[in-house]
Amino acid sequence: SQELEDCIQLLYAKGMSNSNIIDFIKHTYGVN
């Protein structure tokens, strides 16, 4: 979960919206 949080923060930094981050995490890690 911490790894995913790091990933979320990185994606956020790159300008992805919250909804795009959710989609990316779901399809890449299988976590909602």
All heavy atoms as atom14 arrays in JSON, in Angstrom:
{
  "sequence": "SQELEDCIQLLYAKGMSNSNIIDFIKHTYGVN",
  "atom14_mask": [
    [1, 1, 1, 1, 1, 1, 0, 0, 0, 0, 0, 0, 0, 0],
    [1, 1, 1, 1, 1, 1, 1, 1, 1, 0, 0, 0, 0, 0],
    [1, 1, 1, 1, 1, 1, 1, 1, 1, 0, 0, 0, 0, 0],
    [1, 1, 1, 1, 1, 1, 1, 1, 0, 0, 0, 0, 0, 0],
    [1, 1, 1, 1, 1, 1, 1, 1, 1, 0, 0, 0, 0, 0],
    [1, 1, 1, 1, 1, 1, 1, 1, 0, 0, 0, 0, 0, 0],
    [1, 1, 1, 1, 1, 1, 0, 0, 0, 0, 0, 0, 0, 0],
    [1, 1, 1, 1, 1, 1, 1, 1, 0, 0, 0, 0, 0, 0],
    [1, 1, 1, 1, 1, 1, 1, 1, 1, 0, 0, 0, 0, 0],
    [1, 1, 1, 1, 1, 1, 1, 1, 0, 0, 0, 0, 0, 0],
    [1, 1, 1, 1, 1, 1, 1, 1, 0, 0, 0, 0, 0, 0],
    [1, 1, 1, 1, 1, 1, 1, 1, 1, 1, 1, 1, 0, 0],
    [1, 1, 1, 1, 1, 0, 0, 0, 0, 0, 0, 0, 0, 0],
    [1, 1, 1, 1, 1, 1, 1, 1, 1, 0, 0, 0, 0, 0],
    [1, 1, 1, 1, 0, 0, 0, 0, 0, 0, 0, 0, 0, 0],
    [1, 1, 1, 1, 1, 1, 1, 1, 0, 0, 0, 0, 0, 0],
    [1, 1, 1, 1, 1, 1, 0, 0, 0, 0, 0, 0, 0, 0],
    [1, 1, 1, 1, 1, 1, 1, 1, 0, 0, 0, 0, 0, 0],
    [1, 1, 1, 1, 1, 1, 0, 0, 0, 0, 0, 0, 0, 0],
    [1, 1, 1, 1, 1, 1, 1, 1, 0, 0, 0, 0, 0, 0],
    [1, 1, 1, 1, 1, 1, 1, 1, 0, 0, 0, 0, 0, 0],
    [1, 1, 1, 1, 1, 1, 1, 1, 0, 0, 0, 0, 0, 0],
    [1, 1, 1, 1, 1, 1, 1, 1, 0, 0, 0, 0, 0, 0],
    [1, 1, 1, 1, 1, 1, 1, 1, 1, 1, 1, 0, 0, 0],
    [1, 1, 1, 1, 1, 1, 1, 1, 0, 0, 0, 0, 0, 0],
    [1, 1, 1, 1, 1, 1, 1, 1, 1, 0, 0, 0, 0, 0],
    [1, 1, 1, 1, 1, 1, 1, 1, 1, 1, 0, 0, 0, 0],
    [1, 1, 1, 1, 1, 1, 1, 0, 0, 0, 0, 0, 0, 0],
    [1, 1, 1, 1, 1, 1, 1, 1, 1, 1, 1, 1, 0, 0],
    [1, 1, 1, 1, 0, 0, 0, 0, 0, 0, 0, 0, 0, 0],
    [1, 1, 1, 1, 1, 1, 1, 0, 0, 0, 0, 0, 0, 0],
    [1, 1, 1, 1, 1, 1, 1, 1, 0, 0, 0, 0, 0, 0]
  ],
  "atom14_positions": [
    [[0.83, -1.2, 0.0], [0.0, 0.0, 0.0], [0.87, 1.25, 0.0], [0.55, 2.24, -0.65], [-0.94, 0.01, 1.21], [-0.23, 0.03, 2.42], [0.0, 0.0, 0.0], [0.0, 0.0, 0.0], [0.0, 0.0, 0.0], [0.0, 0.0, 0.0], [0.0, 0.0, 0.0], [0.0, 0.0, 0.0], [0.0, 0.0, 0.0], [0.0, 0.0, 0.0]],
    [[2.0, 1.22, 0.71], [2.91, 2.36, 0.69], [3.53, 2.53, -0.68], [3.72, 3.65, -1.16], [4.0, 2.16, 1.75], [3.5, 2.37, 3.18], [4.59, 2.08, 4.19], [5.22, 1.03, 4.14], [4.8, 3.01, 5.1], [0.0, 0.0, 0.0], [0.0, 0.0, 0.0], [0.0, 0.0, 0.0], [0.0, 0.0, 0.0], [0.0, 0.0, 0.0]],
    [[3.84, 1.39, -1.31], [4.38, 1.46, -2.66], [3.37, 2.1, -3.61], [3.71, 2.9, -4.47], [4.73, 0.05, -3.15], [5.95, -0.55, -2.5], [7.2, 0.21, -2.87], [7.63, 0.13, -4.03], [7.73, 0.92, -2.01], [0.0, 0.0, 0.0], [0.0, 0.0, 0.0], [0.0, 0.0, 0.0], [0.0, 0.0, 0.0], [0.0, 0.0, 0.0]],
    [[2.1, 1.71, -3.44], [1.06, 2.29, -4.28], [0.9, 3.78, -4.0], [0.66, 4.56, -4.91], [-0.27, 1.57, -4.04], [-0.35, 0.12, -4.55], [-1.67, -0.5, -4.15], [-0.18, 0.08, -6.06], [0.0, 0.0, 0.0], [0.0, 0.0, 0.0], [0.0, 0.0, 0.0], [0.0, 0.0, 0.0], [0.0, 0.0, 0.0], [0.0, 0.0, 0.0]],
    [[1.03, 4.15, -2.74], [0.93, 5.57, -2.41], [2.06, 6.36, -3.07], [1.84, 7.46, -3.58], [0.97, 5.74, -0.89], [-0.32, 5.27, -0.21], [-0.27, 5.42, 1.3], [0.67, 6.09, 1.78], [-1.17, 4.89, 1.97], [0.0, 0.0, 0.0], [0.0, 0.0, 0.0], [0.0, 0.0, 0.0], [0.0, 0.0, 0.0], [0.0, 0.0, 0.0]],
    [[3.27, 5.79, -3.06], [4.39, 6.45, -3.75], [4.08, 6.6, -5.23], [4.37, 7.63, -5.85], [5.68, 5.66, -3.57], [6.19, 5.71, -2.14], [5.76, 6.61, -1.4], [7.01, 4.85, -1.77], [0.0, 0.0, 0.0], [0.0, 0.0, 0.0], [0.0, 0.0, 0.0], [0.0, 0.0, 0.0], [0.0, 0.0, 0.0], [0.0, 0.0, 0.0]],
    [[3.49, 5.54, -5.8], [3.14, 5.57, -7.22], [2.08, 6.64, -7.49], [2.18, 7.4, -8.46], [2.62, 4.2, -7.66], [2.12, 4.12, -9.39], [0.0, 0.0, 0.0], [0.0, 0.0, 0.0], [0.0, 0.0, 0.0], [0.0, 0.0, 0.0], [0.0, 0.0, 0.0], [0.0, 0.0, 0.0], [0.0, 0.0, 0.0], [0.0, 0.0, 0.0]],
    [[1.09, 6.72, -6.61], [0.03, 7.72, -6.77], [0.61, 9.13, -6.72], [0.27, 9.99, -7.54], [-1.04, 7.54, -5.67], [-1.86, 6.26, -5.95], [-1.98, 8.74, -5.6], [-2.78, 5.87, -4.81], [0.0, 0.0, 0.0], [0.0, 0.0, 0.0], [0.0, 0.0, 0.0], [0.0, 0.0, 0.0], [0.0, 0.0, 0.0], [0.0, 0.0, 0.0]],
    [[1.51, 9.37, -5.78], [2.11, 10.69, -5.66], [2.93, 11.04, -6.9], [2.93, 12.19, -7.37], [2.96, 10.76, -4.4], [2.12, 10.72, -3.12], [2.96, 10.72, -1.87], [4.19, 10.64, -1.93], [2.31, 10.83, -0.73], [0.0, 0.0, 0.0], [0.0, 0.0, 0.0], [0.0, 0.0, 0.0], [0.0, 0.0, 0.0], [0.0, 0.0, 0.0]],
    [[3.63, 10.05, -7.43], [4.42, 10.28, -8.64], [3.51, 10.63, -9.81], [3.78, 11.56, -10.58], [5.26, 9.05, -8.97], [6.08, 9.11, -10.26], [7.1, 10.23, -10.16], [6.78, 7.79, -10.52], [0.0, 0.0, 0.0], [0.0, 0.0, 0.0], [0.0, 0.0, 0.0], [0.0, 0.0, 0.0], [0.0, 0.0, 0.0], [0.0, 0.0, 0.0]],
    [[2.42, 9.87, -9.97], [1.47, 10.13, -11.06], [0.83, 11.51, -10.9], [0.62, 12.23, -11.87], [0.39, 9.05, -11.11], [0.88, 7.63, -11.45], [-0.26, 6.64, -11.28], [1.42, 7.58, -12.88], [0.0, 0.0, 0.0], [0.0, 0.0, 0.0], [0.0, 0.0, 0.0], [0.0, 0.0, 0.0], [0.0, 0.0, 0.0], [0.0, 0.0, 0.0]],
    [[0.53, 11.87, -9.67], [-0.05, 13.18, -9.39], [0.92, 14.28, -9.81], [0.54, 15.29, -10.39], [-0.38, 13.29, -7.9], [-1.19, 14.51, -7.53], [-2.58, 14.46, -7.51], [-0.57, 15.71, -7.21], [-3.33, 15.57, -7.18], [-1.32, 16.83, -6.88], [-2.7, 16.75, -6.86], [-3.42, 17.87, -6.54], [0.0, 0.0, 0.0], [0.0, 0.0, 0.0]],
    [[2.2, 14.06, -9.5], [3.22, 15.04, -9.87], [3.32, 15.21, -11.37], [3.63, 16.29, -11.87], [4.58, 14.61, -9.31], [0.0, 0.0, 0.0], [0.0, 0.0, 0.0], [0.0, 0.0, 0.0], [0.0, 0.0, 0.0], [0.0, 0.0, 0.0], [0.0, 0.0, 0.0], [0.0, 0.0, 0.0], [0.0, 0.0, 0.0], [0.0, 0.0, 0.0]],
    [[3.05, 14.13, -12.11], [3.15, 14.19, -13.56], [1.89, 14.76, -14.21], [1.76, 14.79, -15.42], [3.46, 12.8, -14.13], [4.87, 12.32, -13.79], [5.16, 10.97, -14.42], [6.59, 10.53, -14.14], [7.59, 11.39, -14.76], [0.0, 0.0, 0.0], [0.0, 0.0, 0.0], [0.0, 0.0, 0.0], [0.0, 0.0, 0.0], [0.0, 0.0, 0.0]],
    [[0.95, 15.2, -13.37], [-0.21, 15.91, -13.9], [-1.44, 15.07, -14.15], [-2.41, 15.57, -14.71], [0.0, 0.0, 0.0], [0.0, 0.0, 0.0], [0.0, 0.0, 0.0], [0.0, 0.0, 0.0], [0.0, 0.0, 0.0], [0.0, 0.0, 0.0], [0.0, 0.0, 0.0], [0.0, 0.0, 0.0], [0.0, 0.0, 0.0], [0.0, 0.0, 0.0]],
    [[-1.44, 13.8, -13.75], [-2.63, 12.97, -13.96], [-3.73, 13.37, -13.0], [-3.48, 13.71, -11.85], [-2.29, 11.48, -13.76], [-1.41, 10.9, -14.85], [-1.12, 9.12, -14.62], [-2.75, 8.46, -15.0], [0.0, 0.0, 0.0], [0.0, 0.0, 0.0], [0.0, 0.0, 0.0], [0.0, 0.0, 0.0], [0.0, 0.0, 0.0], [0.0, 0.0, 0.0]],
    [[-4.96, 13.32, -13.48], [-6.1, 13.63, -12.63], [-6.34, 12.47, -11.65], [-5.84, 11.36, -11.86], [-7.35, 13.85, -13.47], [-7.73, 12.65, -14.12], [0.0, 0.0, 0.0], [0.0, 0.0, 0.0], [0.0, 0.0, 0.0], [0.0, 0.0, 0.0], [0.0, 0.0, 0.0], [0.0, 0.0, 0.0], [0.0, 0.0, 0.0], [0.0, 0.0, 0.0]],
    [[-7.13, 12.74, -10.6], [-7.43, 11.68, -9.63], [-8.09, 10.48, -10.3], [-7.79, 9.33, -9.99], [-8.33, 12.23, -8.52], [-7.55, 13.08, -7.54], [-6.33, 13.24, -7.66], [-8.23, 13.62, -6.55], [0.0, 0.0, 0.0], [0.0, 0.0, 0.0], [0.0, 0.0, 0.0], [0.0, 0.0, 0.0], [0.0, 0.0, 0.0], [0.0, 0.0, 0.0]],
    [[-9.03, 10.74, -11.22], [-9.73, 9.64, -11.89], [-8.79, 8.82, -12.75], [-8.89, 7.58, -12.8], [-10.88, 10.19, -12.73], [-10.41, 11.1, -13.72], [0.0, 0.0, 0.0], [0.0, 0.0, 0.0], [0.0, 0.0, 0.0], [0.0, 0.0, 0.0], [0.0, 0.0, 0.0], [0.0, 0.0, 0.0], [0.0, 0.0, 0.0], [0.0, 0.0, 0.0]],
    [[-7.85, 9.48, -13.43], [-6.87, 8.75, -14.24], [-5.92, 7.93, -13.37], [-5.52, 6.82, -13.74], [-6.06, 9.73, -15.1], [-6.87, 10.28, -16.26], [-7.84, 9.67, -16.69], [-6.48, 11.44, -16.76], [0.0, 0.0, 0.0], [0.0, 0.0, 0.0], [0.0, 0.0, 0.0], [0.0, 0.0, 0.0], [0.0, 0.0, 0.0], [0.0, 0.0, 0.0]],
    [[-5.57, 8.48, -12.21], [-4.71, 7.74, -11.29], [-5.42, 6.47, -10.8], [-4.84, 5.39, -10.75], [-4.32, 8.63, -10.09], [-3.37, 9.74, -10.54], [-3.65, 7.79, -8.99], [-3.07, 10.77, -9.48], [0.0, 0.0, 0.0], [0.0, 0.0, 0.0], [0.0, 0.0, 0.0], [0.0, 0.0, 0.0], [0.0, 0.0, 0.0], [0.0, 0.0, 0.0]],
    [[-6.71, 6.61, -10.46], [-7.5, 5.47, -10.0], [-7.54, 4.38, -11.06], [-7.34, 3.2, -10.77], [-8.93, 5.93, -9.63], [-8.88, 6.82, -8.38], [-9.84, 4.73, -9.39], [-10.16, 7.55, -8.11], [0.0, 0.0, 0.0], [0.0, 0.0, 0.0], [0.0, 0.0, 0.0], [0.0, 0.0, 0.0], [0.0, 0.0, 0.0], [0.0, 0.0, 0.0]],
    [[-7.78, 4.79, -12.32], [-7.84, 3.82, -13.41], [-6.49, 3.13, -13.6], [-6.43, 1.9, -13.81], [-8.24, 4.52, -14.72], [-9.71, 4.93, -14.72], [-10.47, 4.39, -13.89], [-10.08, 5.79, -15.52], [0.0, 0.0, 0.0], [0.0, 0.0, 0.0], [0.0, 0.0, 0.0], [0.0, 0.0, 0.0], [0.0, 0.0, 0.0], [0.0, 0.0, 0.0]],
    [[-5.41, 3.92, -13.54], [-4.08, 3.35, -13.75], [-3.75, 2.33, -12.66], [-3.27, 1.23, -12.94], [-3.03, 4.46, -13.75], [-1.61, 3.96, -13.9], [-1.08, 3.73, -15.15], [-0.82, 3.72, -12.78], [0.22, 3.26, -15.3], [0.47, 3.24, -12.91], [0.98, 3.02, -14.18], [0.0, 0.0, 0.0], [0.0, 0.0, 0.0], [0.0, 0.0, 0.0]],
    [[-3.98, 2.69, -11.39], [-3.68, 1.81, -10.27], [-4.51, 0.53, -10.36], [-4.01, -0.58, -10.12], [-3.94, 2.52, -8.93], [-2.96, 3.68, -8.74], [-3.83, 1.55, -7.76], [-1.51, 3.27, -8.64], [0.0, 0.0, 0.0], [0.0, 0.0, 0.0], [0.0, 0.0, 0.0], [0.0, 0.0, 0.0], [0.0, 0.0, 0.0], [0.0, 0.0, 0.0]],
    [[-5.77, 0.68, -10.74], [-6.65, -0.48, -10.82], [-6.17, -1.46, -11.88], [-6.11, -2.68, -11.65], [-8.08, -0.03, -11.13], [-9.08, -1.18, -11.22], [-10.48, -0.67, -11.48], [-11.48, -1.82, -11.58], [-12.86, -1.34, -11.84], [0.0, 0.0, 0.0], [0.0, 0.0, 0.0], [0.0, 0.0, 0.0], [0.0, 0.0, 0.0], [0.0, 0.0, 0.0]],
    [[-5.82, -0.94, -13.08], [-5.44, -1.83, -14.17], [-4.01, -2.36, -14.01], [-3.7, -3.43, -14.52], [-5.57, -1.1, -15.51], [-7.0, -0.9, -15.94], [-7.67, 0.27, -15.7], [-7.86, -1.73, -16.57], [-8.91, 0.16, -16.18], [-9.05, -1.04, -16.7], [0.0, 0.0, 0.0], [0.0, 0.0, 0.0], [0.0, 0.0, 0.0], [0.0, 0.0, 0.0]],
    [[-3.16, -1.61, -13.3], [-1.77, -2.03, -13.17], [-1.55, -2.92, -11.95], [-0.86, -3.93, -12.03], [-0.84, -0.8, -13.07], [-1.07, 0.04, -14.2], [0.62, -1.22, -13.05], [0.0, 0.0, 0.0], [0.0, 0.0, 0.0], [0.0, 0.0, 0.0], [0.0, 0.0, 0.0], [0.0, 0.0, 0.0], [0.0, 0.0, 0.0], [0.0, 0.0, 0.0]],
    [[-2.17, -2.54, -10.83], [-1.95, -3.27, -9.57], [-3.15, -4.08, -9.12], [-3.06, -4.85, -8.18], [-1.56, -2.29, -8.46], [-0.22, -1.64, -8.65], [-0.12, -0.38, -9.23], [0.95, -2.27, -8.27], [1.1, 0.25, -9.41], [2.19, -1.66, -8.44], [2.25, -0.41, -9.01], [3.47, 0.2, -9.19], [0.0, 0.0, 0.0], [0.0, 0.0, 0.0]],
    [[-4.28, -3.86, -9.75], [-5.48, -4.57, -9.34], [-6.03, -4.11, -8.01], [-6.71, -4.87, -7.31], [0.0, 0.0, 0.0], [0.0, 0.0, 0.0], [0.0, 0.0, 0.0], [0.0, 0.0, 0.0], [0.0, 0.0, 0.0], [0.0, 0.0, 0.0], [0.0, 0.0, 0.0], [0.0, 0.0, 0.0], [0.0, 0.0, 0.0], [0.0, 0.0, 0.0]],
    [[-5.75, -2.88, -7.63], [-6.2, -2.33, -6.35], [-7.14, -1.16, -6.62], [-6.84, -0.29, -7.45], [-5.01, -1.86, -5.49], [-5.5, -1.23, -4.19], [-4.09, -3.05, -5.19], [0.0, 0.0, 0.0], [0.0, 0.0, 0.0], [0.0, 0.0, 0.0], [0.0, 0.0, 0.0], [0.0, 0.0, 0.0], [0.0, 0.0, 0.0], [0.0, 0.0, 0.0]],
    [[-8.26, -1.15, -5.93], [-9.25, -0.09, -6.12], [-9.06, 1.02, -5.09], [-9.08, 0.77, -3.89], [-10.67, -0.66, -6.0], [-11.02, -1.58, -7.15], [-10.85, -1.22, -8.31], [-11.48, -2.78, -6.83], [0.0, 0.0, 0.0], [0.0, 0.0, 0.0], [0.0, 0.0, 0.0], [0.0, 0.0, 0.0], [0.0, 0.0, 0.0], [0.0, 0.0, 0.0]]
  ]
}
